[in-house]
N, C-alpha and C. Protein backbone atom coordinates (compact mmCIF):
# COMPACT_ATOMS: atom_id res chain seq x y z
N UNK A 1 93.18 -3.66 1.19
CA UNK A 1 94.26 -3.96 2.10
C UNK A 1 94.14 -5.41 2.55
N UNK A 2 95.24 -6.15 2.46
CA UNK A 2 95.25 -7.56 2.88
C UNK A 2 95.77 -7.66 4.30
N UNK A 3 95.05 -8.39 5.13
CA UNK A 3 95.48 -8.62 6.51
C UNK A 3 96.00 -10.04 6.60
N UNK A 4 97.25 -10.19 7.00
CA UNK A 4 97.84 -11.51 7.13
C UNK A 4 97.54 -12.06 8.52
N UNK A 5 96.86 -13.20 8.55
CA UNK A 5 96.55 -13.82 9.84
C UNK A 5 97.80 -14.50 10.37
N UNK A 6 98.01 -14.34 11.65
CA UNK A 6 99.18 -14.95 12.28
C UNK A 6 98.89 -16.41 12.60
N UNK A 7 99.95 -17.18 12.64
CA UNK A 7 99.85 -18.60 12.93
C UNK A 7 99.46 -18.82 14.39
N UNK A 8 98.60 -19.81 14.59
CA UNK A 8 98.18 -20.18 15.94
C UNK A 8 98.36 -21.67 16.12
N UNK A 9 98.62 -22.10 17.36
CA UNK A 9 98.77 -23.53 17.59
C UNK A 9 97.47 -24.29 17.38
N UNK A 10 97.59 -25.43 16.72
CA UNK A 10 96.46 -26.35 16.59
C UNK A 10 96.53 -27.35 17.75
N UNK A 11 97.77 -27.69 18.15
CA UNK A 11 97.97 -28.63 19.25
C UNK A 11 99.28 -28.30 19.97
N UNK A 12 99.24 -28.35 21.30
CA UNK A 12 100.42 -28.18 22.14
C UNK A 12 100.50 -29.42 23.02
N UNK A 13 101.63 -30.15 22.94
CA UNK A 13 101.72 -31.41 23.67
C UNK A 13 103.15 -31.68 24.10
N UNK A 14 103.29 -32.43 25.19
CA UNK A 14 104.61 -32.91 25.60
C UNK A 14 105.14 -33.81 24.51
N UNK A 15 106.36 -33.59 24.08
CA UNK A 15 107.01 -34.44 23.10
C UNK A 15 107.82 -35.50 23.84
N UNK A 16 108.42 -35.08 24.96
CA UNK A 16 109.20 -35.96 25.81
C UNK A 16 109.29 -35.30 27.18
N UNK A 17 110.11 -35.86 28.05
CA UNK A 17 110.31 -35.26 29.37
C UNK A 17 111.05 -33.93 29.29
N UNK A 18 111.71 -33.68 28.17
CA UNK A 18 112.53 -32.48 28.04
C UNK A 18 112.09 -31.53 26.93
N UNK A 19 111.01 -31.87 26.22
CA UNK A 19 110.64 -31.04 25.06
C UNK A 19 109.13 -30.94 24.86
N UNK A 20 108.74 -29.86 24.22
CA UNK A 20 107.35 -29.55 23.90
C UNK A 20 107.20 -29.51 22.38
N UNK A 21 106.09 -30.03 21.87
CA UNK A 21 105.81 -29.98 20.43
C UNK A 21 104.58 -29.10 20.21
N UNK A 22 104.71 -28.17 19.29
CA UNK A 22 103.56 -27.36 18.88
C UNK A 22 103.30 -27.64 17.41
N UNK A 23 102.07 -28.04 17.10
CA UNK A 23 101.64 -28.18 15.71
C UNK A 23 100.82 -26.93 15.42
N UNK A 24 101.28 -26.17 14.43
CA UNK A 24 100.64 -24.91 14.09
C UNK A 24 99.48 -25.15 13.13
N UNK A 25 98.57 -24.21 13.04
CA UNK A 25 97.34 -24.38 12.26
C UNK A 25 97.59 -24.63 10.78
N UNK A 26 98.75 -24.22 10.24
CA UNK A 26 99.03 -24.50 8.83
C UNK A 26 99.79 -25.81 8.66
N UNK A 27 99.99 -26.57 9.78
CA UNK A 27 100.60 -27.89 9.70
C UNK A 27 102.06 -27.95 10.11
N UNK A 28 102.72 -26.81 10.25
CA UNK A 28 104.13 -26.80 10.66
C UNK A 28 104.25 -27.33 12.09
N UNK A 29 105.32 -28.10 12.35
CA UNK A 29 105.57 -28.61 13.70
C UNK A 29 106.86 -27.99 14.24
N UNK A 30 106.79 -27.50 15.47
CA UNK A 30 107.95 -26.90 16.13
C UNK A 30 108.24 -27.69 17.39
N UNK A 31 109.52 -28.00 17.59
CA UNK A 31 109.96 -28.73 18.77
C UNK A 31 110.78 -27.77 19.63
N UNK A 32 110.41 -27.66 20.91
CA UNK A 32 111.08 -26.73 21.82
C UNK A 32 111.62 -27.50 23.02
N UNK A 33 112.91 -27.33 23.30
CA UNK A 33 113.52 -27.91 24.49
C UNK A 33 113.10 -27.04 25.67
N UNK A 34 112.63 -27.66 26.76
CA UNK A 34 112.14 -26.89 27.90
C UNK A 34 113.19 -25.94 28.46
N UNK A 35 114.43 -26.39 28.55
CA UNK A 35 115.47 -25.50 29.08
C UNK A 35 115.62 -24.26 28.19
N UNK A 36 115.53 -24.44 26.87
CA UNK A 36 115.62 -23.29 25.95
C UNK A 36 114.45 -22.33 26.16
N UNK A 37 113.25 -22.89 26.36
CA UNK A 37 112.08 -22.04 26.60
C UNK A 37 112.25 -21.27 27.91
N UNK A 38 112.77 -21.93 28.93
CA UNK A 38 112.96 -21.24 30.22
C UNK A 38 114.02 -20.15 30.06
N UNK A 39 115.09 -20.44 29.32
CA UNK A 39 116.12 -19.44 29.09
C UNK A 39 115.57 -18.23 28.31
N UNK A 40 114.58 -18.46 27.48
CA UNK A 40 114.01 -17.40 26.65
C UNK A 40 112.85 -16.67 27.33
N UNK A 41 112.60 -16.95 28.60
CA UNK A 41 111.45 -16.34 29.28
C UNK A 41 111.39 -14.84 28.99
N UNK A 42 110.25 -14.36 28.49
CA UNK A 42 110.15 -12.96 28.08
C UNK A 42 109.75 -11.98 29.19
N UNK A 43 109.66 -12.43 30.44
CA UNK A 43 109.22 -11.51 31.50
C UNK A 43 110.30 -10.46 31.79
N UNK A 44 109.92 -9.38 32.42
CA UNK A 44 110.83 -8.26 32.69
C UNK A 44 111.98 -8.69 33.59
N UNK A 45 111.71 -9.50 34.60
CA UNK A 45 112.76 -9.94 35.53
C UNK A 45 113.82 -10.76 34.79
N UNK A 46 113.39 -11.71 33.96
CA UNK A 46 114.34 -12.53 33.22
C UNK A 46 115.11 -11.72 32.19
N UNK A 47 114.45 -10.76 31.55
CA UNK A 47 115.15 -9.89 30.60
C UNK A 47 116.27 -9.12 31.30
N UNK A 48 115.99 -8.61 32.50
CA UNK A 48 117.01 -7.88 33.26
C UNK A 48 118.15 -8.81 33.69
N UNK A 49 117.81 -10.02 34.13
CA UNK A 49 118.85 -10.98 34.52
C UNK A 49 119.74 -11.34 33.34
N UNK A 50 119.14 -11.54 32.16
CA UNK A 50 119.93 -11.84 30.97
C UNK A 50 120.89 -10.70 30.63
N UNK A 51 120.39 -9.46 30.74
CA UNK A 51 121.23 -8.30 30.44
C UNK A 51 122.41 -8.18 31.40
N UNK A 52 122.23 -8.66 32.63
CA UNK A 52 123.27 -8.52 33.65
C UNK A 52 124.32 -9.63 33.60
N UNK A 53 124.13 -10.64 32.75
CA UNK A 53 125.11 -11.71 32.66
C UNK A 53 125.93 -11.55 31.39
N UNK A 54 127.16 -12.04 31.43
CA UNK A 54 128.03 -11.96 30.26
C UNK A 54 127.55 -12.87 29.14
N UNK A 55 126.91 -13.98 29.49
CA UNK A 55 126.48 -14.94 28.48
C UNK A 55 125.14 -14.59 27.87
N UNK A 56 124.37 -13.72 28.53
CA UNK A 56 123.04 -13.41 28.04
C UNK A 56 122.03 -14.50 28.36
N UNK A 57 122.44 -15.46 29.21
CA UNK A 57 121.55 -16.53 29.63
C UNK A 57 121.15 -16.32 31.08
N UNK A 58 120.03 -16.91 31.45
CA UNK A 58 119.58 -16.80 32.83
C UNK A 58 120.50 -17.61 33.74
N UNK A 59 120.87 -17.05 34.87
CA UNK A 59 121.70 -17.78 35.82
C UNK A 59 120.83 -18.72 36.66
N UNK A 60 120.59 -19.90 36.16
CA UNK A 60 119.68 -20.82 36.85
C UNK A 60 120.05 -21.06 38.30
N UNK A 61 121.33 -21.02 38.63
CA UNK A 61 121.71 -21.31 40.00
C UNK A 61 121.04 -20.36 40.99
N UNK A 62 120.61 -19.19 40.51
CA UNK A 62 119.91 -18.26 41.40
C UNK A 62 118.42 -18.58 41.48
N UNK A 63 117.88 -19.22 40.47
CA UNK A 63 116.43 -19.40 40.40
C UNK A 63 115.96 -20.79 40.79
N UNK A 64 116.75 -21.81 40.49
CA UNK A 64 116.31 -23.18 40.72
C UNK A 64 116.79 -23.68 42.07
N UNK A 65 115.92 -24.35 42.82
CA UNK A 65 116.36 -24.93 44.09
C UNK A 65 117.55 -25.86 43.87
N UNK A 66 118.38 -26.02 44.87
CA UNK A 66 119.60 -26.81 44.74
C UNK A 66 119.38 -28.22 44.24
N UNK A 67 118.23 -28.83 44.59
CA UNK A 67 117.99 -30.21 44.16
C UNK A 67 117.57 -30.31 42.70
N UNK A 68 117.31 -29.21 42.04
CA UNK A 68 116.90 -29.22 40.64
C UNK A 68 118.02 -28.68 39.77
N UNK A 69 118.47 -29.45 38.80
CA UNK A 69 119.51 -29.00 37.88
C UNK A 69 118.85 -28.46 36.62
N UNK A 70 119.53 -27.59 35.90
CA UNK A 70 118.93 -26.96 34.73
C UNK A 70 118.51 -27.98 33.67
N UNK A 71 119.22 -29.11 33.58
CA UNK A 71 118.85 -30.13 32.61
C UNK A 71 117.49 -30.73 32.93
N UNK A 72 117.03 -30.56 34.15
CA UNK A 72 115.75 -31.12 34.58
C UNK A 72 114.64 -30.08 34.58
N UNK A 73 114.88 -28.93 34.00
CA UNK A 73 113.85 -27.88 34.00
C UNK A 73 112.69 -28.33 33.13
N UNK A 74 111.50 -28.20 33.67
CA UNK A 74 110.30 -28.52 32.91
C UNK A 74 109.11 -27.83 33.55
N UNK A 75 108.05 -27.66 32.80
CA UNK A 75 106.87 -27.01 33.37
C UNK A 75 106.08 -27.98 34.25
N UNK A 76 105.58 -27.45 35.36
CA UNK A 76 104.65 -28.21 36.18
C UNK A 76 103.25 -28.08 35.59
N UNK A 77 103.02 -26.97 34.88
CA UNK A 77 101.72 -26.72 34.24
C UNK A 77 101.92 -25.74 33.09
N UNK A 78 101.03 -25.82 32.11
CA UNK A 78 101.00 -24.88 30.99
C UNK A 78 99.56 -24.41 30.88
N UNK A 79 99.37 -23.10 30.87
CA UNK A 79 98.00 -22.57 30.81
C UNK A 79 97.86 -21.55 29.69
N UNK A 80 96.67 -21.48 29.15
CA UNK A 80 96.37 -20.51 28.10
C UNK A 80 96.27 -19.11 28.69
N UNK A 81 96.73 -18.13 27.94
CA UNK A 81 96.55 -16.73 28.29
C UNK A 81 95.75 -16.13 27.14
N UNK A 82 94.47 -15.98 27.37
CA UNK A 82 93.59 -15.50 26.30
C UNK A 82 93.67 -16.41 25.10
N UNK A 83 93.61 -15.83 23.92
CA UNK A 83 93.71 -16.59 22.67
C UNK A 83 95.02 -16.29 21.94
N UNK A 84 96.01 -15.77 22.68
CA UNK A 84 97.23 -15.32 22.02
C UNK A 84 98.53 -15.83 22.63
N UNK A 85 98.47 -16.54 23.75
CA UNK A 85 99.72 -16.91 24.43
C UNK A 85 99.51 -18.07 25.39
N UNK A 86 100.66 -18.57 25.91
CA UNK A 86 100.63 -19.55 26.99
C UNK A 86 101.59 -19.09 28.08
N UNK A 87 101.36 -19.60 29.29
CA UNK A 87 102.23 -19.31 30.42
C UNK A 87 102.65 -20.65 31.02
N UNK A 88 103.94 -20.77 31.31
CA UNK A 88 104.47 -21.96 31.94
C UNK A 88 104.60 -21.72 33.43
N UNK A 89 104.26 -22.72 34.21
CA UNK A 89 104.58 -22.72 35.64
C UNK A 89 105.74 -23.69 35.77
N UNK A 90 106.96 -23.14 35.85
CA UNK A 90 108.17 -23.93 35.83
C UNK A 90 108.45 -24.58 37.17
N UNK A 91 109.18 -25.68 37.15
CA UNK A 91 109.49 -26.39 38.39
C UNK A 91 110.54 -25.66 39.24
N UNK A 92 111.03 -24.51 38.77
CA UNK A 92 111.91 -23.69 39.61
C UNK A 92 111.11 -22.60 40.33
N UNK A 93 109.78 -22.65 40.19
CA UNK A 93 108.91 -21.69 40.87
C UNK A 93 108.57 -20.46 40.05
N UNK A 94 109.16 -20.29 38.88
CA UNK A 94 108.91 -19.11 38.06
C UNK A 94 107.65 -19.31 37.23
N UNK A 95 106.82 -18.24 37.12
CA UNK A 95 105.59 -18.37 36.34
C UNK A 95 105.07 -17.05 35.77
N UNK A 96 105.94 -16.07 35.62
CA UNK A 96 105.44 -14.77 35.17
C UNK A 96 105.61 -14.50 33.67
N UNK A 97 106.35 -15.34 32.97
CA UNK A 97 106.55 -15.11 31.54
C UNK A 97 105.35 -15.49 30.71
N UNK A 98 104.93 -14.60 29.82
CA UNK A 98 103.83 -14.88 28.90
C UNK A 98 104.45 -15.05 27.50
N UNK A 99 104.34 -16.26 26.98
CA UNK A 99 104.92 -16.62 25.69
C UNK A 99 103.85 -16.49 24.62
N UNK A 100 103.87 -15.37 23.88
CA UNK A 100 102.87 -15.19 22.83
C UNK A 100 103.12 -16.20 21.72
N UNK A 101 102.09 -16.49 20.95
CA UNK A 101 102.25 -17.43 19.84
C UNK A 101 103.27 -16.90 18.82
N UNK A 102 103.25 -15.60 18.57
CA UNK A 102 104.24 -15.00 17.65
C UNK A 102 105.66 -15.21 18.18
N UNK A 103 105.86 -15.00 19.47
CA UNK A 103 107.17 -15.18 20.10
C UNK A 103 107.61 -16.64 19.98
N UNK A 104 106.70 -17.57 20.27
CA UNK A 104 107.05 -18.99 20.16
C UNK A 104 107.40 -19.38 18.74
N UNK A 105 106.66 -18.86 17.78
CA UNK A 105 106.95 -19.19 16.38
C UNK A 105 108.33 -18.68 15.99
N UNK A 106 108.72 -17.50 16.49
CA UNK A 106 110.04 -16.96 16.20
C UNK A 106 111.15 -17.79 16.86
N UNK A 107 110.82 -18.49 17.94
CA UNK A 107 111.81 -19.32 18.63
C UNK A 107 112.03 -20.67 17.94
N UNK A 108 111.18 -21.02 16.99
CA UNK A 108 111.34 -22.29 16.29
C UNK A 108 112.71 -22.33 15.62
N UNK A 109 113.46 -23.41 15.84
CA UNK A 109 114.83 -23.49 15.34
C UNK A 109 114.98 -24.34 14.09
N UNK A 110 113.89 -24.78 13.50
CA UNK A 110 113.99 -25.62 12.31
C UNK A 110 114.58 -24.83 11.14
N UNK A 111 115.02 -25.56 10.11
CA UNK A 111 115.63 -24.92 8.94
C UNK A 111 114.66 -24.02 8.19
N UNK A 112 113.39 -24.38 8.20
CA UNK A 112 112.38 -23.58 7.50
C UNK A 112 112.22 -22.22 8.18
N UNK A 113 112.22 -22.20 9.52
CA UNK A 113 111.99 -20.96 10.27
C UNK A 113 113.27 -20.15 10.49
N UNK A 114 114.42 -20.83 10.55
CA UNK A 114 115.70 -20.18 10.79
C UNK A 114 116.69 -20.59 9.70
N UNK A 115 116.49 -20.11 8.48
CA UNK A 115 117.40 -20.52 7.39
C UNK A 115 118.82 -20.10 7.68
N UNK A 116 119.75 -20.93 7.21
CA UNK A 116 121.18 -20.68 7.44
C UNK A 116 121.69 -19.59 6.53
C-alpha cells in the first residue's frame, strides 16, 4: 500500500501588505490575498455567517471595527498549530480559524491548482 504524503509549507512569508506567500515543500508557490483568507475562515462561527448571507461571504461590517475597511484586513500575527496548520490573529479581532495545510493548498488559485 502506498501512502501519499501531503504537501507542507517550506516557507510562509508576507508577500506584500495585502498578501501572503507560501512556498510548499515540493517547490510550488501559492499567493493568498489576506481578505480572501479572512473570507475563507474555516471556523464554525464564520461558516454559519457565510450560510446566513446571500453572497456566501462574511459580512465584514459586523466583524471589523468601523475604522478598519475590508481592503485593509491583515493578520496581526500568524502562529503554528501543531505540524498541520496555522492560525491568523486578524486585525478585526478574529482568531479562532485553524487553516490546515491541506485547506490552504486547496485555496491556491493558480492555474496548476485550479485548472479551467
